[in-house]
Amino acid sequence: MNDDLRYVYAVCRPPTAPLHADLTGVGGAPPRQLSHEGLVAVVSPVPERDFGREPLRAHLEDLRWLAETARAHQNVVAALATVTCPLPLRLATVFHDDSGVRAMLEDESERLHRILDRIDGHVEWGVKVWLGATTGDGGGSTDGGGGRSAASPSSRAPRSGRDYLRRRRAGNAAREEALARADAFVRRLHGELSRYAADARLHPVQSGPLTDAGSGRNILNSAYLVPRTWSEEFLELIGRTEGTRPGLRVEVTGPWAAYSFTDDPDACEEPHDGEGAARQDAGGEP
């Protein structure tokens, strides 16, 4: 183990119960707790051949390796969230040894305590809204050969250039109206959900390879830091929106540890990077 690096999953206050004995982390190693002046770093050994600066940079280009590491990271943080309120660190936060981890806890003690105070007793809920998601009917009735079984007036070939332009203007107007209604719904929903949250984050909407086929267009990608005692009301509010806007789908994930709220608005300095080891985001909400 002396030749291994130290992978750090999260920082927390002393847990109220031990982690499950069968829990394993990145690379299959069980996590352990490293304490320093009221703070606990949850760590496990990882080989330098995979997590040194250069090999780690190469691994972060390997989507399969990245996904496997992110799942192991999340499993440890999720287990930790059942016994305390952890501050998750970024994927692949690595130090040379235990002394390096303790130095980080010492150097960042004030900042870490501030964030832990802010997220204590809270969980993160993720909310996405999708526009135009398919409902499983293939986007319209079809015949056995994959064509439409009946031609509506709007699907027939235009009779003239003027007819084509008229149809195009009508289609553009309908899309703009749908987008305006969707935008109003999203702004109202975000405002109502924020009332139940101690903090909220608007993440960039998902597109391209991050979206599943048929999921539609992502128009809201948000996270809310909600007191555990308010989670039921928060979910009930979302439930009341279900089916109220045809063509819109609301997706909820969680509860998570406070992945989106690990920043410190009061901090004046950038977070400590841990003895030159690379740190990269896991690609957003798990």
C-alpha atoms as a PDB file:
ATOM      1  CA  MET A   1       0.000   0.000   0.000  1.00  0.00           C
ATOM      2  CA  ASN A   2       2.954   2.350   0.576  1.00  0.00           C
ATOM      3  CA  ASP A   3       3.532   2.396  -3.186  1.00  0.00           C
ATOM      4  CA  ASP A   4      -0.090   3.245  -3.932  1.00  0.00           C
ATOM      5  CA  LEU A   5      -1.686   6.653  -4.237  1.00  0.00           C
ATOM      6  CA  ARG A   6      -4.676   7.765  -2.181  1.00  0.00           C
ATOM      7  CA  TYR A   7      -8.006   8.217  -3.961  1.00  0.00           C
ATOM      8  CA  VAL A   8     -10.332  10.556  -2.012  1.00  0.00           C
ATOM      9  CA  TYR A   9     -14.098  10.176  -2.504  1.00  0.00           C
ATOM     10  CA  ALA A  10     -15.481  12.744  -0.101  1.00  0.00           C
ATOM     11  CA  VAL A  11     -14.936  14.756   3.050  1.00  0.00           C
ATOM     12  CA  CYS A  12     -17.404  14.664   5.920  1.00  0.00           C
ATOM     13  CA  ARG A  13     -17.867  14.954   9.636  1.00  0.00           C
ATOM     14  CA  PRO A  14     -17.427  11.718  11.629  1.00  0.00           C
ATOM     15  CA  PRO A  15     -20.158   9.290  10.465  1.00  0.00           C
ATOM     16  CA  THR A  16     -22.806   8.089  12.902  1.00  0.00           C
ATOM     17  CA  ALA A  17     -22.353   4.455  11.802  1.00  0.00           C
ATOM     18  CA  PRO A  18     -19.721   2.391   9.977  1.00  0.00           C
ATOM     19  CA  LEU A  19     -19.818   1.807   6.241  1.00  0.00           C
ATOM     20  CA  HIS A  20     -20.906  -1.634   5.065  1.00  0.00           C
ATOM     21  CA  ALA A  21     -18.071  -4.136   5.416  1.00  0.00           C
ATOM     22  CA  ASP A  22     -18.526  -5.392   1.839  1.00  0.00           C
ATOM     23  CA  LEU A  23     -18.347  -1.930   0.239  1.00  0.00           C
ATOM     24  CA  THR A  24     -15.634  -1.556  -2.376  1.00  0.00           C
ATOM     25  CA  GLY A  25     -14.471   1.512  -4.264  1.00  0.00           C
ATOM     26  CA  VAL A  26     -12.346   2.337  -7.279  1.00  0.00           C
ATOM     27  CA  GLY A  27     -10.253  -0.647  -8.337  1.00  0.00           C
ATOM     28  CA  GLY A  28     -12.118  -2.943  -5.936  1.00  0.00           C
ATOM     29  CA  ALA A  29     -10.374  -1.690  -2.795  1.00  0.00           C
ATOM     30  CA  PRO A  30     -12.488  -1.065   0.338  1.00  0.00           C
ATOM     31  CA  PRO A  31     -12.658   2.580   1.444  1.00  0.00           C
ATOM     32  CA  ARG A  32     -11.379   3.669   4.845  1.00  0.00           C
ATOM     33  CA  GLN A  33     -11.646   6.808   6.935  1.00  0.00           C
ATOM     34  CA  LEU A  34      -8.767   9.179   7.543  1.00  0.00           C
ATOM     35  CA  SER A  35      -9.507  11.691  10.317  1.00  0.00           C
ATOM     36  CA  HIS A  36      -7.933  15.050  11.001  1.00  0.00           C
ATOM     37  CA  GLU A  37      -9.193  17.650  13.496  1.00  0.00           C
ATOM     38  CA  GLY A  38     -12.901  16.993  13.155  1.00  0.00           C
ATOM     39  CA  LEU A  39     -12.882  16.212   9.444  1.00  0.00           C
ATOM     40  CA  VAL A  40     -12.898  12.794   7.800  1.00  0.00           C
ATOM     41  CA  ALA A  41     -11.603  11.994   4.324  1.00  0.00           C
ATOM     42  CA  VAL A  42     -12.883   8.723   2.869  1.00  0.00           C
ATOM     43  CA  VAL A  43     -10.047   7.187   0.858  1.00  0.00           C
ATOM     44  CA  SER A  44      -8.819   3.985  -0.764  1.00  0.00           C
ATOM     45  CA  PRO A  45      -5.499   2.965  -2.338  1.00  0.00           C
ATOM     46  CA  VAL A  46      -5.130   3.109  -6.121  1.00  0.00           C
ATOM     47  CA  PRO A  47      -2.084   2.124  -8.207  1.00  0.00           C
ATOM     48  CA  GLU A  48       0.157   4.860  -9.533  1.00  0.00           C
ATOM     49  CA  ARG A  49       0.297   3.072 -12.903  1.00  0.00           C
ATOM     50  CA  ASP A  50      -3.365   4.061 -13.389  1.00  0.00           C
ATOM     51  CA  PHE A  51      -3.678   7.269 -11.357  1.00  0.00           C
ATOM     52  CA  GLY A  52      -0.345   9.001 -11.830  1.00  0.00           C
ATOM     53  CA  ARG A  53      -0.501  12.215 -13.825  1.00  0.00           C
ATOM     54  CA  GLU A  54       0.221  10.821 -17.307  1.00  0.00           C
ATOM     55  CA  PRO A  55      -1.677   7.493 -17.118  1.00  0.00           C
ATOM     56  CA  LEU A  56      -4.669   9.253 -15.560  1.00  0.00           C
ATOM     57  CA  ARG A  57      -4.750  11.790 -18.372  1.00  0.00           C
ATOM     58  CA  ALA A  58      -4.879   8.910 -20.869  1.00  0.00           C
ATOM     59  CA  HIS A  59      -7.546   7.036 -18.883  1.00  0.00           C
ATOM     60  CA  LEU A  60      -9.812  10.090 -18.829  1.00  0.00           C
ATOM     61  CA  GLU A  61     -10.079   9.773 -22.617  1.00  0.00           C
ATOM     62  CA  ASP A  62     -11.345   6.188 -22.240  1.00  0.00           C
ATOM     63  CA  LEU A  63     -15.114   6.395 -21.816  1.00  0.00           C
ATOM     64  CA  ARG A  64     -15.431   2.806 -20.608  1.00  0.00           C
ATOM     65  CA  TRP A  65     -12.771   3.277 -17.918  1.00  0.00           C
ATOM     66  CA  LEU A  66     -14.276   6.630 -16.973  1.00  0.00           C
ATOM     67  CA  ALA A  67     -17.778   5.177 -16.581  1.00  0.00           C
ATOM     68  CA  GLU A  68     -16.522   2.280 -14.447  1.00  0.00           C
ATOM     69  CA  THR A  69     -14.537   4.620 -12.206  1.00  0.00           C
ATOM     70  CA  ALA A  70     -17.462   7.027 -11.889  1.00  0.00           C
ATOM     71  CA  ARG A  71     -19.793   4.189 -10.819  1.00  0.00           C
ATOM     72  CA  ALA A  72     -17.352   3.013  -8.149  1.00  0.00           C
ATOM     73  CA  HIS A  73     -16.905   6.611  -6.948  1.00  0.00           C
ATOM     74  CA  GLN A  74     -20.679   7.131  -6.770  1.00  0.00           C
ATOM     75  CA  ASN A  75     -21.230   3.845  -4.927  1.00  0.00           C
ATOM     76  CA  VAL A  76     -18.940   4.945  -2.111  1.00  0.00           C
ATOM     77  CA  VAL A  77     -20.441   8.435  -1.894  1.00  0.00           C
ATOM     78  CA  ALA A  78     -23.982   7.005  -1.901  1.00  0.00           C
ATOM     79  CA  ALA A  79     -23.098   4.605   0.918  1.00  0.00           C
ATOM     80  CA  LEU A  80     -21.523   7.444   2.849  1.00  0.00           C
ATOM     81  CA  ALA A  81     -24.680   9.552   2.420  1.00  0.00           C
ATOM     82  CA  THR A  82     -26.626   6.971   4.455  1.00  0.00           C
ATOM     83  CA  VAL A  83     -24.507   7.587   7.568  1.00  0.00           C
ATOM     84  CA  THR A  84     -23.530  11.269   7.250  1.00  0.00           C
ATOM     85  CA  CYS A  85     -23.803  14.272   4.938  1.00  0.00           C
ATOM     86  CA  PRO A  86     -20.721  14.048   2.690  1.00  0.00           C
ATOM     87  CA  LEU A  87     -19.044  16.671   0.549  1.00  0.00           C
ATOM     88  CA  PRO A  88     -18.220  14.697  -2.640  1.00  0.00           C
ATOM     89  CA  LEU A  89     -14.884  15.488  -4.263  1.00  0.00           C
ATOM     90  CA  ARG A  90     -14.328  15.468  -7.994  1.00  0.00           C
ATOM     91  CA  LEU A  91     -13.717  12.238  -9.812  1.00  0.00           C
ATOM     92  CA  ALA A  92     -10.061  11.156  -9.622  1.00  0.00           C
ATOM     93  CA  THR A  93      -8.993  13.367  -6.716  1.00  0.00           C
ATOM     94  CA  VAL A  94      -5.695  11.684  -5.861  1.00  0.00           C
ATOM     95  CA  PHE A  95      -2.877  12.345  -3.377  1.00  0.00           C
ATOM     96  CA  HIS A  96       0.509  10.711  -2.972  1.00  0.00           C
ATOM     97  CA  ASP A  97      -0.075   9.414   0.550  1.00  0.00           C
ATOM     98  CA  ASP A  98      -2.005   9.864   3.807  1.00  0.00           C
ATOM     99  CA  SER A  99       0.134  12.862   4.715  1.00  0.00           C
ATOM    100  CA  GLY A 100      -0.968  14.620   1.538  1.00  0.00           C
ATOM    101  CA  VAL A 101      -4.627  14.013   2.388  1.00  0.00           C
ATOM    102  CA  ARG A 102      -4.149  15.334   5.918  1.00  0.00           C
ATOM    103  CA  ALA A 103      -2.368  18.394   4.546  1.00  0.00           C
ATOM    104  CA  MET A 104      -5.374  19.085   2.306  1.00  0.00           C
ATOM    105  CA  LEU A 105      -7.742  18.759   5.279  1.00  0.00           C
ATOM    106  CA  GLU A 106      -5.532  21.124   7.282  1.00  0.00           C
ATOM    107  CA  ASP A 107      -5.102  23.698   4.505  1.00  0.00           C
ATOM    108  CA  GLU A 108      -8.765  23.720   3.500  1.00  0.00           C
ATOM    109  CA  SER A 109     -10.274  23.185   6.939  1.00  0.00           C
ATOM    110  CA  GLU A 110     -12.101  26.513   7.062  1.00  0.00           C
ATOM    111  CA  ARG A 111     -13.580  26.159   3.578  1.00  0.00           C
ATOM    112  CA  LEU A 112     -14.578  22.525   4.098  1.00  0.00           C
ATOM    113  CA  HIS A 113     -16.322  23.290   7.383  1.00  0.00           C
ATOM    114  CA  ARG A 114     -18.274  26.140   5.719  1.00  0.00           C
ATOM    115  CA  ILE A 115     -19.535  23.882   2.942  1.00  0.00           C
ATOM    116  CA  LEU A 116     -20.371  21.037   5.323  1.00  0.00           C
ATOM    117  CA  ASP A 117     -22.332  23.473   7.490  1.00  0.00           C
ATOM    118  CA  ARG A 118     -24.282  24.609   4.414  1.00  0.00           C
ATOM    119  CA  ILE A 119     -25.203  21.138   3.118  1.00  0.00           C
ATOM    120  CA  ASP A 120     -25.778  19.477   6.497  1.00  0.00           C
ATOM    121  CA  GLY A 121     -29.207  17.845   6.604  1.00  0.00           C
ATOM    122  CA  HIS A 122     -29.795  18.385   2.883  1.00  0.00           C
ATOM    123  CA  VAL A 123     -29.936  16.179  -0.210  1.00  0.00           C
ATOM    124  CA  GLU A 124     -29.718  16.990  -3.899  1.00  0.00           C
ATOM    125  CA  TRP A 125     -32.596  16.371  -6.301  1.00  0.00           C
ATOM    126  CA  GLY A 126     -32.078  16.633 -10.046  1.00  0.00           C
ATOM    127  CA  VAL A 127     -34.897  17.812 -12.319  1.00  0.00           C
ATOM    128  CA  LYS A 128     -34.904  17.747 -16.116  1.00  0.00           C
ATOM    129  CA  VAL A 129     -37.666  18.820 -18.482  1.00  0.00           C
ATOM    130  CA  TRP A 130     -37.865  17.364 -21.993  1.00  0.00           C
ATOM    131  CA  LEU A 131     -39.800  18.829 -24.902  1.00  0.00           C
ATOM    132  CA  GLY A 132     -41.188  16.584 -27.641  1.00  0.00           C
ATOM    133  CA  ALA A 133     -40.218  13.243 -26.085  1.00  0.00           C
ATOM    134  CA  THR A 134     -41.599  10.219 -27.879  1.00  0.00           C
ATOM    135  CA  THR A 135     -44.344   8.324 -26.074  1.00  0.00           C
ATOM    136  CA  GLY A 136     -43.624   4.882 -27.485  1.00  0.00           C
ATOM    137  CA  ASP A 137     -45.984   5.044 -30.460  1.00  0.00           C
ATOM    138  CA  GLY A 138     -43.171   5.828 -32.874  1.00  0.00           C
ATOM    139  CA  GLY A 139     -44.234   9.450 -33.277  1.00  0.00           C
ATOM    140  CA  GLY A 140     -47.449   8.686 -35.137  1.00  0.00           C
ATOM    141  CA  SER A 141     -49.445   5.751 -36.460  1.00  0.00           C
ATOM    142  CA  THR A 142     -47.750   3.796 -39.215  1.00  0.00           C
ATOM    143  CA  ASP A 143     -48.679   0.989 -41.545  1.00  0.00           C
ATOM    144  CA  GLY A 144     -46.809  -2.305 -41.711  1.00  0.00           C
ATOM    145  CA  GLY A 145     -44.303  -0.912 -44.202  1.00  0.00           C
ATOM    146  CA  GLY A 146     -43.292   1.968 -41.970  1.00  0.00           C
ATOM    147  CA  GLY A 147     -45.239   4.650 -43.855  1.00  0.00           C
ATOM    148  CA  ARG A 148     -48.118   6.699 -42.531  1.00  0.00           C
ATOM    149  CA  SER A 149     -51.404   4.847 -42.727  1.00  0.00           C
ATOM    150  CA  ALA A 150     -53.383   7.965 -43.610  1.00  0.00           C
ATOM    151  CA  ALA A 151     -52.326  11.212 -45.168  1.00  0.00           C
ATOM    152  CA  SER A 152     -53.534  14.313 -43.368  1.00  0.00           C
ATOM    153  CA  PRO A 153     -54.065  17.486 -45.376  1.00  0.00           C
ATOM    154  CA  SER A 154     -50.829  18.951 -44.037  1.00  0.00           C
ATOM    155  CA  SER A 155     -48.824  15.872 -45.123  1.00  0.00           C
ATOM    156  CA  ARG A 156     -49.882  16.067 -48.785  1.00  0.00           C
ATOM    157  CA  ALA A 157     -47.495  17.614 -51.282  1.00  0.00           C
ATOM    158  CA  PRO A 158     -47.908  21.421 -51.576  1.00  0.00           C
ATOM    159  CA  ARG A 159     -49.961  22.554 -54.530  1.00  0.00           C
ATOM    160  CA  SER A 160     -47.699  25.523 -55.295  1.00  0.00           C
ATOM    161  CA  GLY A 161     -44.713  27.498 -54.081  1.00  0.00           C
ATOM    162  CA  ARG A 162     -47.047  29.869 -52.267  1.00  0.00           C
ATOM    163  CA  ASP A 163     -48.741  26.909 -50.537  1.00  0.00           C
ATOM    164  CA  TYR A 164     -45.308  25.573 -49.474  1.00  0.00           C
ATOM    165  CA  LEU A 165     -44.292  28.924 -47.954  1.00  0.00           C
ATOM    166  CA  ARG A 166     -47.635  29.246 -46.161  1.00  0.00           C
ATOM    167  CA  ARG A 167     -47.226  25.808 -44.622  1.00  0.00           C
ATOM    168  CA  ARG A 168     -43.657  26.551 -43.626  1.00  0.00           C
ATOM    169  CA  ARG A 169     -44.654  29.815 -41.912  1.00  0.00           C
ATOM    170  CA  ALA A 170     -47.477  28.033 -40.096  1.00  0.00           C
ATOM    171  CA  GLY A 171     -45.101  25.287 -38.950  1.00  0.00           C
ATOM    172  CA  ASN A 172     -42.535  27.805 -37.695  1.00  0.00           C
ATOM    173  CA  ALA A 173     -45.229  29.748 -35.841  1.00  0.00           C
ATOM    174  CA  ALA A 174     -46.493  26.573 -34.168  1.00  0.00           C
ATOM    175  CA  ARG A 175     -42.971  25.601 -33.064  1.00  0.00           C
ATOM    176  CA  GLU A 176     -42.289  29.067 -31.687  1.00  0.00           C
ATOM    177  CA  GLU A 177     -45.568  29.007 -29.769  1.00  0.00           C
ATOM    178  CA  ALA A 178     -44.757  25.571 -28.327  1.00  0.00           C
ATOM    179  CA  LEU A 179     -41.297  26.763 -27.273  1.00  0.00           C
ATOM    180  CA  ALA A 180     -42.769  29.866 -25.633  1.00  0.00           C
ATOM    181  CA  ARG A 181     -45.256  27.756 -23.644  1.00  0.00           C
ATOM    182  CA  ALA A 182     -42.492  25.328 -22.655  1.00  0.00           C
ATOM    183  CA  ASP A 183     -40.234  28.190 -21.556  1.00  0.00           C
ATOM    184  CA  ALA A 184     -42.997  29.680 -19.405  1.00  0.00           C
ATOM    185  CA  PHE A 185     -43.621  26.263 -17.823  1.00  0.00           C
ATOM    186  CA  VAL A 186     -39.922  25.762 -17.068  1.00  0.00           C
ATOM    187  CA  ARG A 187     -39.507  29.209 -15.509  1.00  0.00           C
ATOM    188  CA  ARG A 188     -42.595  28.727 -13.333  1.00  0.00           C
ATOM    189  CA  LEU A 189     -41.549  25.206 -12.277  1.00  0.00           C
ATOM    190  CA  HIS A 190     -38.003  26.285 -11.412  1.00  0.00           C
ATOM    191  CA  GLY A 191     -39.327  29.190  -9.339  1.00  0.00           C
ATOM    192  CA  GLU A 192     -41.739  26.973  -7.409  1.00  0.00           C
ATOM    193  CA  LEU A 193     -39.148  24.267  -6.764  1.00  0.00           C
ATOM    194  CA  SER A 194     -36.601  26.845  -5.608  1.00  0.00           C
ATOM    195  CA  ARG A 195     -38.980  27.819  -2.801  1.00  0.00           C
ATOM    196  CA  TYR A 196     -38.406  24.380  -1.249  1.00  0.00           C
ATOM    197  CA  ALA A 197     -34.642  24.503  -1.726  1.00  0.00           C
ATOM    198  CA  ALA A 198     -31.831  26.094   0.226  1.00  0.00           C
ATOM    199  CA  ASP A 199     -29.986  26.543  -3.080  1.00  0.00           C
ATOM    200  CA  ALA A 200     -30.466  25.716  -6.756  1.00  0.00           C
ATOM    201  CA  ARG A 201     -28.270  25.289  -9.825  1.00  0.00           C
ATOM    202  CA  LEU A 202     -29.129  25.587 -13.506  1.00  0.00           C
ATOM    203  CA  HIS A 203     -26.798  23.285 -15.445  1.00  0.00           C
ATOM    204  CA  PRO A 204     -26.284  23.471 -19.222  1.00  0.00           C
ATOM    205  CA  VAL A 205     -29.011  21.558 -21.024  1.00  0.00           C
ATOM    206  CA  GLN A 206     -28.013  18.167 -22.381  1.00  0.00           C
ATOM    207  CA  SER A 207     -27.589  17.583 -26.088  1.00  0.00           C
ATOM    208  CA  GLY A 208     -25.893  15.301 -28.579  1.00  0.00           C
ATOM    209  CA  PRO A 209     -24.474  12.044 -27.167  1.00  0.00           C
ATOM    210  CA  LEU A 210     -25.713  12.904 -23.655  1.00  0.00           C
ATOM    211  CA  THR A 211     -29.348  12.420 -24.711  1.00  0.00           C
ATOM    212  CA  ASP A 212     -31.097   9.152 -25.473  1.00  0.00           C
ATOM    213  CA  ALA A 213     -32.854   8.605 -28.770  1.00  0.00           C
ATOM    214  CA  GLY A 214     -36.489   9.623 -28.397  1.00  0.00           C
ATOM    215  CA  SER A 215     -35.929  11.578 -25.184  1.00  0.00           C
ATOM    216  CA  GLY A 216     -36.722  14.857 -26.901  1.00  0.00           C
ATOM    217  CA  ARG A 217     -35.124  18.229 -26.420  1.00  0.00           C
ATOM    218  CA  ASN A 218     -33.743  19.019 -22.969  1.00  0.00           C
ATOM    219  CA  ILE A 219     -34.972  22.467 -21.919  1.00  0.00           C
ATOM    220  CA  LEU A 220     -34.239  22.332 -18.176  1.00  0.00           C
ATOM    221  CA  ASN A 221     -31.355  20.632 -16.362  1.00  0.00           C
ATOM    222  CA  SER A 222     -31.395  21.755 -12.749  1.00  0.00           C
ATOM    223  CA  ALA A 223     -30.384  20.670  -9.257  1.00  0.00           C
ATOM    224  CA  TYR A 224     -31.893  21.622  -5.897  1.00  0.00           C
ATOM    225  CA  LEU A 225     -30.390  21.426  -2.418  1.00  0.00           C
ATOM    226  CA  VAL A 226     -33.424  20.412  -0.381  1.00  0.00           C
ATOM    227  CA  PRO A 227     -33.714  19.797   3.375  1.00  0.00           C
ATOM    228  CA  ARG A 228     -34.416  16.112   3.919  1.00  0.00           C
ATOM    229  CA  THR A 229     -37.537  17.027   5.874  1.00  0.00           C
ATOM    230  CA  TRP A 230     -38.942  18.908   2.839  1.00  0.00           C
ATOM    231  CA  SER A 231     -38.228  16.241   0.242  1.00  0.00           C
ATOM    232  CA  GLU A 232     -41.748  14.806   0.297  1.00  0.00           C
ATOM    233  CA  GLU A 233     -43.334  18.198  -0.380  1.00  0.00           C
ATOM    234  CA  PHE A 234     -40.748  18.866  -3.093  1.00  0.00           C
ATOM    235  CA  LEU A 235     -41.647  15.620  -4.890  1.00  0.00           C
ATOM    236  CA  GLU A 236     -45.375  16.200  -4.463  1.00  0.00           C
ATOM    237  CA  LEU A 237     -45.031  19.556  -6.193  1.00  0.00           C
ATOM    238  CA  ILE A 238     -43.341  17.892  -9.157  1.00  0.00           C
ATOM    239  CA  GLY A 239     -45.986  15.169  -9.188  1.00  0.00           C
ATOM    240  CA  ARG A 240     -48.743  17.753  -9.512  1.00  0.00           C
ATOM    241  CA  THR A 241     -47.201  18.950 -12.780  1.00  0.00           C
ATOM    242  CA  GLU A 242     -47.350  15.495 -14.391  1.00  0.00           C
ATOM    243  CA  GLY A 243     -49.505  15.514 -17.498  1.00  0.00           C
ATOM    244  CA  THR A 244     -50.413  19.189 -17.204  1.00  0.00           C
ATOM    245  CA  ARG A 245     -48.435  20.149 -20.313  1.00  0.00           C
ATOM    246  CA  PRO A 246     -48.776  17.782 -23.290  1.00  0.00           C
ATOM    247  CA  GLY A 247     -45.466  17.319 -25.077  1.00  0.00           C
ATOM    248  CA  LEU A 248     -43.411  17.983 -21.936  1.00  0.00           C
ATOM    249  CA  ARG A 249     -41.891  15.350 -19.667  1.00  0.00           C
ATOM    250  CA  VAL A 250     -40.462  16.059 -16.212  1.00  0.00           C
ATOM    251  CA  GLU A 251     -37.704  13.700 -15.010  1.00  0.00           C
ATOM    252  CA  VAL A 252     -36.579  13.560 -11.368  1.00  0.00           C
ATOM    253  CA  THR A 253     -33.439  11.885 -10.019  1.00  0.00           C
ATOM    254  CA  GLY A 254     -32.169  11.550  -6.467  1.00  0.00           C
ATOM    255  CA  PRO A 255     -31.797  11.900  -3.659  1.00  0.00           C
ATOM    256  CA  TRP A 256     -28.067  12.377  -4.146  1.00  0.00           C
ATOM    257  CA  ALA A 257     -25.230  13.695  -2.075  1.00  0.00           C
ATOM    258  CA  ALA A 258     -24.770  17.408  -2.795  1.00  0.00           C
ATOM    259  CA  TYR A 259     -22.659  17.004  -5.957  1.00  0.00           C
ATOM    260  CA  SER A 260     -23.808  20.316  -7.446  1.00  0.00           C
ATOM    261  CA  PHE A 261     -23.208  22.329  -4.278  1.00  0.00           C
ATOM    262  CA  THR A 262     -19.572  21.639  -3.447  1.00  0.00           C
ATOM    263  CA  ASP A 263     -18.493  25.182  -4.269  1.00  0.00           C
ATOM    264  CA  ASP A 264     -17.867  27.765  -1.575  1.00  0.00           C
ATOM    265  CA  PRO A 265     -19.295  31.197  -2.473  1.00  0.00           C
ATOM    266  CA  ASP A 266     -17.308  32.767   0.377  1.00  0.00           C
ATOM    267  CA  ALA A 267     -13.957  31.344  -0.749  1.00  0.00           C
ATOM    268  CA  CYS A 268     -11.366  33.692  -2.210  1.00  0.00           C
ATOM    269  CA  GLU A 269      -9.035  31.004  -3.541  1.00  0.00           C
ATOM    270  CA  GLU A 270      -9.303  28.085  -5.944  1.00  0.00           C
ATOM    271  CA  PRO A 271      -9.663  24.616  -4.355  1.00  0.00           C
ATOM    272  CA  HIS A 272      -6.461  22.766  -3.494  1.00  0.00           C
ATOM    273  CA  ASP A 273      -5.509  20.380  -6.316  1.00  0.00           C
ATOM    274  CA  GLY A 274      -3.753  17.761  -4.256  1.00  0.00           C
ATOM    275  CA  GLU A 275       0.002  17.574  -4.925  1.00  0.00           C
ATOM    276  CA  GLY A 276      -0.291  17.992  -8.669  1.00  0.00           C
ATOM    277  CA  ALA A 277      -2.695  15.085  -9.271  1.00  0.00           C
ATOM    278  CA  ALA A 278      -5.293  15.613 -11.963  1.00  0.00           C
ATOM    279  CA  ARG A 279      -8.913  16.163 -10.968  1.00  0.00           C
ATOM    280  CA  GLN A 280     -11.725  15.924 -13.466  1.00  0.00           C
ATOM    281  CA  ASP A 281     -15.507  16.090 -13.231  1.00  0.00           C
ATOM    282  CA  ALA A 282     -17.400  12.837 -13.569  1.00  0.00           C
ATOM    283  CA  GLY A 283     -19.472  14.300 -16.391  1.00  0.00           C
ATOM    284  CA  GLY A 284     -22.249  15.896 -14.451  1.00  0.00           C
ATOM    285  CA  GLU A 285     -25.421  14.183 -12.376  1.00  0.00           C
ATOM    286  CA  PRO A 286     -24.754  10.450 -11.711  1.00  0.00           C
END
